[in-house]
Amino acid sequence: MVTLGEYLKRNRIHQKLSLKDVYKETGISDSKLSRIENGTNASNPAPDILLVLSKLYHINLIELYCIAGYLDKEALSSYEQVFQNADLLTEDERNLIQAQIDLFTKGRTKHDF
C-alpha cells in the first residue's frame, strides 16, 4: 500500500510541480511538504492542508483522507454504493435528485426504520 507521502509526491510530480511551485500556490513551505512526502513529519498533515493539496493536484479528497487515516473506507462503503458516479452529475441534476429524496423522506426520521 502506498504511503500518504508517496501518494502526494507522485501526484505533485505528475502535475509537474516543484516544491517551490506548491509553496507559491498554497503557502505550504517546501520544507514542510518535503517532510510530509518523505514521511519524516511527526504526524499526518492537518485535513485543511490535504484539502488545499487535493485541489492543486486535482485528486479526490475522500481518497486522500482515507490514505491519511482520517476516514475509514469501510464506513464510507454505503455512501460509495449510493453515490457512485455522483461526481459526473451537474449541480442542477444533484439538486433535482436531492429534491426527490426530500419528497420521499418528508416527515420521516432516522428512528422510523
N, C-alpha and C. Protein backbone atom coordinates (compact mmCIF):
# COMPACT_ATOMS: atom_id res chain seq x y z
N MET A 1 0.83 -1.18 0.00
CA MET A 1 0.00 0.00 0.00
C MET A 1 0.88 1.25 0.00
N VAL A 2 0.46 2.22 -0.75
CA VAL A 2 1.23 3.45 -0.88
C VAL A 2 1.04 4.32 0.37
N THR A 3 2.10 4.97 0.78
CA THR A 3 2.00 5.87 1.93
C THR A 3 1.44 7.21 1.47
N LEU A 4 0.99 8.00 2.42
CA LEU A 4 0.46 9.32 2.12
C LEU A 4 1.52 10.17 1.41
N GLY A 5 2.72 10.16 1.94
CA GLY A 5 3.80 10.95 1.35
C GLY A 5 4.10 10.54 -0.08
N GLU A 6 4.18 9.23 -0.31
CA GLU A 6 4.44 8.74 -1.67
C GLU A 6 3.33 9.16 -2.62
N TYR A 7 2.10 9.06 -2.16
CA TYR A 7 0.94 9.41 -2.98
C TYR A 7 0.97 10.90 -3.34
N LEU A 8 1.25 11.74 -2.35
CA LEU A 8 1.32 13.17 -2.61
C LEU A 8 2.47 13.53 -3.55
N LYS A 9 3.61 12.93 -3.33
CA LYS A 9 4.77 13.22 -4.17
C LYS A 9 4.52 12.79 -5.61
N ARG A 10 3.95 11.60 -5.78
CA ARG A 10 3.65 11.10 -7.12
C ARG A 10 2.69 12.06 -7.85
N ASN A 11 1.68 12.55 -7.14
CA ASN A 11 0.73 13.47 -7.76
C ASN A 11 1.33 14.84 -8.02
N ARG A 12 2.21 15.30 -7.14
CA ARG A 12 2.89 16.58 -7.37
C ARG A 12 3.75 16.49 -8.62
N ILE A 13 4.49 15.42 -8.75
CA ILE A 13 5.36 15.24 -9.92
C ILE A 13 4.52 15.08 -11.18
N HIS A 14 3.42 14.37 -11.08
CA HIS A 14 2.52 14.19 -12.22
C HIS A 14 2.00 15.55 -12.72
N GLN A 15 1.78 16.47 -11.79
CA GLN A 15 1.31 17.82 -12.16
C GLN A 15 2.48 18.72 -12.59
N LYS A 16 3.69 18.14 -12.60
CA LYS A 16 4.91 18.87 -12.98
C LYS A 16 5.14 20.11 -12.10
N LEU A 17 4.94 19.90 -10.81
CA LEU A 17 5.12 20.96 -9.83
C LEU A 17 6.35 20.68 -8.97
N SER A 18 7.13 21.70 -8.74
CA SER A 18 8.24 21.59 -7.80
C SER A 18 7.72 21.92 -6.41
N LEU A 19 8.57 21.68 -5.41
CA LEU A 19 8.19 22.05 -4.04
C LEU A 19 7.95 23.56 -3.95
N LYS A 20 8.79 24.33 -4.65
CA LYS A 20 8.63 25.79 -4.65
C LYS A 20 7.33 26.20 -5.33
N ASP A 21 6.95 25.49 -6.40
CA ASP A 21 5.68 25.79 -7.08
C ASP A 21 4.51 25.60 -6.13
N VAL A 22 4.54 24.53 -5.36
CA VAL A 22 3.47 24.25 -4.40
C VAL A 22 3.42 25.35 -3.35
N TYR A 23 4.58 25.78 -2.89
CA TYR A 23 4.63 26.87 -1.90
C TYR A 23 3.99 28.14 -2.47
N LYS A 24 4.33 28.47 -3.71
CA LYS A 24 3.78 29.67 -4.34
C LYS A 24 2.26 29.59 -4.47
N GLU A 25 1.74 28.42 -4.74
CA GLU A 25 0.30 28.24 -4.95
C GLU A 25 -0.50 28.09 -3.65
N THR A 26 0.14 27.54 -2.61
CA THR A 26 -0.61 27.16 -1.41
C THR A 26 -0.11 27.82 -0.12
N GLY A 27 1.12 28.27 -0.10
CA GLY A 27 1.70 28.78 1.13
C GLY A 27 2.26 27.69 2.03
N ILE A 28 2.19 26.43 1.59
CA ILE A 28 2.78 25.31 2.34
C ILE A 28 4.26 25.31 2.04
N SER A 29 5.08 25.48 3.06
CA SER A 29 6.52 25.61 2.84
C SER A 29 7.08 24.35 2.18
N ASP A 30 8.11 24.55 1.38
CA ASP A 30 8.72 23.41 0.70
C ASP A 30 9.34 22.44 1.69
N SER A 31 9.84 22.94 2.82
CA SER A 31 10.41 22.04 3.82
C SER A 31 9.31 21.19 4.48
N LYS A 32 8.16 21.81 4.76
CA LYS A 32 7.06 21.06 5.36
C LYS A 32 6.55 20.00 4.39
N LEU A 33 6.36 20.38 3.12
CA LEU A 33 5.88 19.42 2.13
C LEU A 33 6.90 18.30 1.93
N SER A 34 8.17 18.64 1.94
CA SER A 34 9.22 17.62 1.80
C SER A 34 9.15 16.62 2.95
N ARG A 35 8.96 17.11 4.19
CA ARG A 35 8.84 16.21 5.34
C ARG A 35 7.61 15.31 5.21
N ILE A 36 6.51 15.87 4.72
CA ILE A 36 5.29 15.07 4.52
C ILE A 36 5.56 13.98 3.49
N GLU A 37 6.15 14.37 2.37
CA GLU A 37 6.40 13.41 1.28
C GLU A 37 7.39 12.32 1.68
N ASN A 38 8.36 12.68 2.50
CA ASN A 38 9.38 11.71 2.91
C ASN A 38 9.00 10.92 4.16
N GLY A 39 7.85 11.24 4.75
CA GLY A 39 7.40 10.52 5.93
C GLY A 39 8.15 10.89 7.19
N THR A 40 8.83 12.02 7.19
CA THR A 40 9.58 12.43 8.37
C THR A 40 8.80 13.42 9.22
N ASN A 41 7.58 13.74 8.82
CA ASN A 41 6.70 14.61 9.62
C ASN A 41 6.24 13.82 10.84
N ALA A 42 6.14 14.45 11.97
CA ALA A 42 5.76 13.76 13.20
C ALA A 42 4.36 13.17 13.12
N SER A 43 3.47 13.82 12.39
CA SER A 43 2.10 13.32 12.25
C SER A 43 1.60 13.63 10.84
N ASN A 44 0.44 13.09 10.52
CA ASN A 44 -0.16 13.39 9.23
C ASN A 44 -0.49 14.88 9.16
N PRO A 45 -0.45 15.43 7.96
CA PRO A 45 -0.83 16.84 7.83
C PRO A 45 -2.29 17.04 8.20
N ALA A 46 -2.62 18.23 8.64
CA ALA A 46 -3.99 18.56 9.01
C ALA A 46 -4.91 18.43 7.79
N PRO A 47 -6.17 18.10 8.03
CA PRO A 47 -7.12 17.95 6.91
C PRO A 47 -7.19 19.17 6.00
N ASP A 48 -7.03 20.38 6.54
CA ASP A 48 -7.10 21.57 5.69
C ASP A 48 -5.92 21.65 4.72
N ILE A 49 -4.78 21.14 5.11
CA ILE A 49 -3.63 21.09 4.20
C ILE A 49 -3.91 20.09 3.09
N LEU A 50 -4.47 18.95 3.44
CA LEU A 50 -4.81 17.95 2.43
C LEU A 50 -5.86 18.48 1.46
N LEU A 51 -6.78 19.27 1.96
CA LEU A 51 -7.80 19.87 1.09
C LEU A 51 -7.15 20.77 0.04
N VAL A 52 -6.23 21.61 0.47
CA VAL A 52 -5.53 22.51 -0.45
C VAL A 52 -4.74 21.71 -1.48
N LEU A 53 -4.04 20.67 -1.02
CA LEU A 53 -3.25 19.87 -1.95
C LEU A 53 -4.13 19.09 -2.92
N SER A 54 -5.27 18.59 -2.44
CA SER A 54 -6.16 17.85 -3.34
C SER A 54 -6.66 18.74 -4.47
N LYS A 55 -6.93 19.99 -4.17
CA LYS A 55 -7.38 20.92 -5.20
C LYS A 55 -6.25 21.23 -6.19
N LEU A 56 -5.07 21.49 -5.66
CA LEU A 56 -3.93 21.82 -6.52
C LEU A 56 -3.54 20.64 -7.41
N TYR A 57 -3.56 19.43 -6.84
CA TYR A 57 -3.13 18.24 -7.59
C TYR A 57 -4.27 17.60 -8.37
N HIS A 58 -5.49 18.10 -8.18
CA HIS A 58 -6.67 17.54 -8.86
C HIS A 58 -6.87 16.07 -8.50
N ILE A 59 -6.83 15.79 -7.18
CA ILE A 59 -7.04 14.43 -6.71
C ILE A 59 -8.25 14.39 -5.78
N ASN A 60 -8.81 13.21 -5.62
CA ASN A 60 -10.01 13.01 -4.83
C ASN A 60 -9.72 13.20 -3.35
N LEU A 61 -10.43 14.13 -2.73
CA LEU A 61 -10.20 14.44 -1.32
C LEU A 61 -10.55 13.27 -0.41
N ILE A 62 -11.64 12.58 -0.70
CA ILE A 62 -12.05 11.45 0.13
C ILE A 62 -10.97 10.37 0.12
N GLU A 63 -10.45 10.06 -1.05
CA GLU A 63 -9.38 9.06 -1.15
C GLU A 63 -8.16 9.52 -0.36
N LEU A 64 -7.85 10.79 -0.46
CA LEU A 64 -6.70 11.34 0.27
C LEU A 64 -6.91 11.23 1.78
N TYR A 65 -8.11 11.56 2.26
CA TYR A 65 -8.40 11.45 3.69
C TYR A 65 -8.33 9.99 4.14
N CYS A 66 -8.73 9.06 3.28
CA CYS A 66 -8.64 7.64 3.63
C CYS A 66 -7.19 7.20 3.76
N ILE A 67 -6.36 7.61 2.83
CA ILE A 67 -4.94 7.26 2.88
C ILE A 67 -4.30 7.84 4.14
N ALA A 68 -4.72 9.05 4.51
CA ALA A 68 -4.16 9.70 5.70
C ALA A 68 -4.71 9.11 6.99
N GLY A 69 -5.77 8.32 6.90
CA GLY A 69 -6.35 7.72 8.10
C GLY A 69 -7.43 8.56 8.75
N TYR A 70 -7.84 9.65 8.10
CA TYR A 70 -8.90 10.49 8.65
C TYR A 70 -10.29 9.91 8.39
N LEU A 71 -10.42 9.10 7.37
CA LEU A 71 -11.67 8.43 7.06
C LEU A 71 -11.40 6.95 6.86
N ASP A 72 -12.40 6.15 7.12
CA ASP A 72 -12.32 4.70 7.01
C ASP A 72 -13.13 4.25 5.80
N LYS A 73 -12.51 3.54 4.87
CA LYS A 73 -13.21 3.08 3.66
C LYS A 73 -14.42 2.22 4.00
N GLU A 74 -14.32 1.42 5.05
CA GLU A 74 -15.45 0.56 5.44
C GLU A 74 -16.66 1.42 5.82
N ALA A 75 -16.42 2.48 6.55
CA ALA A 75 -17.51 3.37 6.95
C ALA A 75 -18.11 4.11 5.76
N LEU A 76 -17.33 4.29 4.72
CA LEU A 76 -17.79 5.01 3.53
C LEU A 76 -18.47 4.11 2.50
N SER A 77 -18.40 2.81 2.69
CA SER A 77 -18.86 1.89 1.65
C SER A 77 -20.32 2.08 1.27
N SER A 78 -21.19 2.35 2.21
CA SER A 78 -22.61 2.54 1.87
C SER A 78 -22.80 3.82 1.05
N TYR A 79 -22.03 4.85 1.34
CA TYR A 79 -22.13 6.08 0.57
C TYR A 79 -21.57 5.90 -0.84
N GLU A 80 -20.49 5.14 -0.97
CA GLU A 80 -19.91 4.89 -2.29
C GLU A 80 -20.90 4.17 -3.19
N GLN A 81 -21.63 3.23 -2.63
CA GLN A 81 -22.60 2.49 -3.42
C GLN A 81 -23.73 3.40 -3.87
N VAL A 82 -24.26 4.16 -2.97
CA VAL A 82 -25.39 5.03 -3.28
C VAL A 82 -24.98 6.16 -4.21
N PHE A 83 -23.83 6.73 -3.99
CA PHE A 83 -23.43 7.91 -4.74
C PHE A 83 -22.36 7.64 -5.79
N GLN A 84 -22.26 6.41 -6.23
CA GLN A 84 -21.27 6.07 -7.26
C GLN A 84 -21.52 6.91 -8.50
N ASN A 85 -20.50 7.53 -9.02
CA ASN A 85 -20.52 8.39 -10.21
C ASN A 85 -21.29 9.68 -10.00
N ALA A 86 -21.61 10.03 -8.77
CA ALA A 86 -22.32 11.28 -8.50
C ALA A 86 -21.51 12.49 -8.95
N ASP A 87 -20.20 12.35 -8.99
CA ASP A 87 -19.36 13.46 -9.42
C ASP A 87 -19.53 13.78 -10.90
N LEU A 88 -20.20 12.89 -11.64
CA LEU A 88 -20.46 13.14 -13.05
C LEU A 88 -21.72 13.97 -13.28
N LEU A 89 -22.49 14.18 -12.22
CA LEU A 89 -23.73 14.94 -12.33
C LEU A 89 -23.46 16.44 -12.28
N THR A 90 -24.33 17.19 -12.95
CA THR A 90 -24.24 18.64 -12.85
C THR A 90 -24.86 19.08 -11.53
N GLU A 91 -24.65 20.31 -11.17
CA GLU A 91 -25.23 20.82 -9.93
C GLU A 91 -26.76 20.79 -10.02
N ASP A 92 -27.31 21.13 -11.16
CA ASP A 92 -28.77 21.08 -11.33
C ASP A 92 -29.30 19.66 -11.16
N GLU A 93 -28.59 18.68 -11.70
CA GLU A 93 -29.01 17.28 -11.56
C GLU A 93 -28.96 16.84 -10.10
N ARG A 94 -27.93 17.24 -9.38
CA ARG A 94 -27.83 16.90 -7.95
C ARG A 94 -28.96 17.54 -7.17
N ASN A 95 -29.30 18.78 -7.50
CA ASN A 95 -30.40 19.46 -6.82
C ASN A 95 -31.72 18.77 -7.10
N LEU A 96 -31.94 18.31 -8.32
CA LEU A 96 -33.18 17.60 -8.66
C LEU A 96 -33.27 16.28 -7.88
N ILE A 97 -32.17 15.57 -7.79
CA ILE A 97 -32.15 14.31 -7.05
C ILE A 97 -32.40 14.56 -5.57
N GLN A 98 -31.78 15.61 -5.02
CA GLN A 98 -32.00 15.94 -3.61
C GLN A 98 -33.45 16.29 -3.36
N ALA A 99 -34.08 16.99 -4.29
CA ALA A 99 -35.50 17.33 -4.14
C ALA A 99 -36.35 16.06 -4.10
N GLN A 100 -36.00 15.07 -4.91
CA GLN A 100 -36.74 13.80 -4.91
C GLN A 100 -36.53 13.06 -3.58
N ILE A 101 -35.32 13.06 -3.08
CA ILE A 101 -35.04 12.42 -1.79
C ILE A 101 -35.84 13.11 -0.69
N ASP A 102 -35.85 14.44 -0.72
CA ASP A 102 -36.62 15.19 0.28
C ASP A 102 -38.09 14.84 0.20
N LEU A 103 -38.61 14.68 -0.99
CA LEU A 103 -40.02 14.33 -1.17
C LEU A 103 -40.31 12.94 -0.59
N PHE A 104 -39.46 11.97 -0.90
CA PHE A 104 -39.66 10.60 -0.41
C PHE A 104 -39.53 10.49 1.11
N THR A 105 -38.70 11.33 1.70
CA THR A 105 -38.43 11.20 3.13
C THR A 105 -39.16 12.23 3.98
N LYS A 106 -40.02 13.00 3.39
CA LYS A 106 -40.73 14.06 4.11
C LYS A 106 -41.46 13.49 5.33
N GLY A 107 -41.18 14.07 6.47
CA GLY A 107 -41.83 13.65 7.70
C GLY A 107 -41.19 12.45 8.39
N ARG A 108 -40.22 11.86 7.79
CA ARG A 108 -39.56 10.69 8.40
C ARG A 108 -38.40 11.13 9.27
N THR A 109 -38.06 10.27 10.20
CA THR A 109 -36.84 10.45 10.99
C THR A 109 -36.04 9.17 10.88
N LYS A 110 -34.81 9.20 11.31
CA LYS A 110 -33.95 8.02 11.25
C LYS A 110 -34.48 6.89 12.12
N HIS A 111 -35.29 7.22 13.12
CA HIS A 111 -35.81 6.23 14.05
C HIS A 111 -37.06 5.53 13.53
N ASP A 112 -37.55 5.94 12.34
CA ASP A 112 -38.75 5.34 11.78
C ASP A 112 -38.51 3.93 11.21
N PHE A 113 -37.26 3.55 11.08
CA PHE A 113 -36.97 2.26 10.43
C PHE A 113 -36.48 1.24 11.40
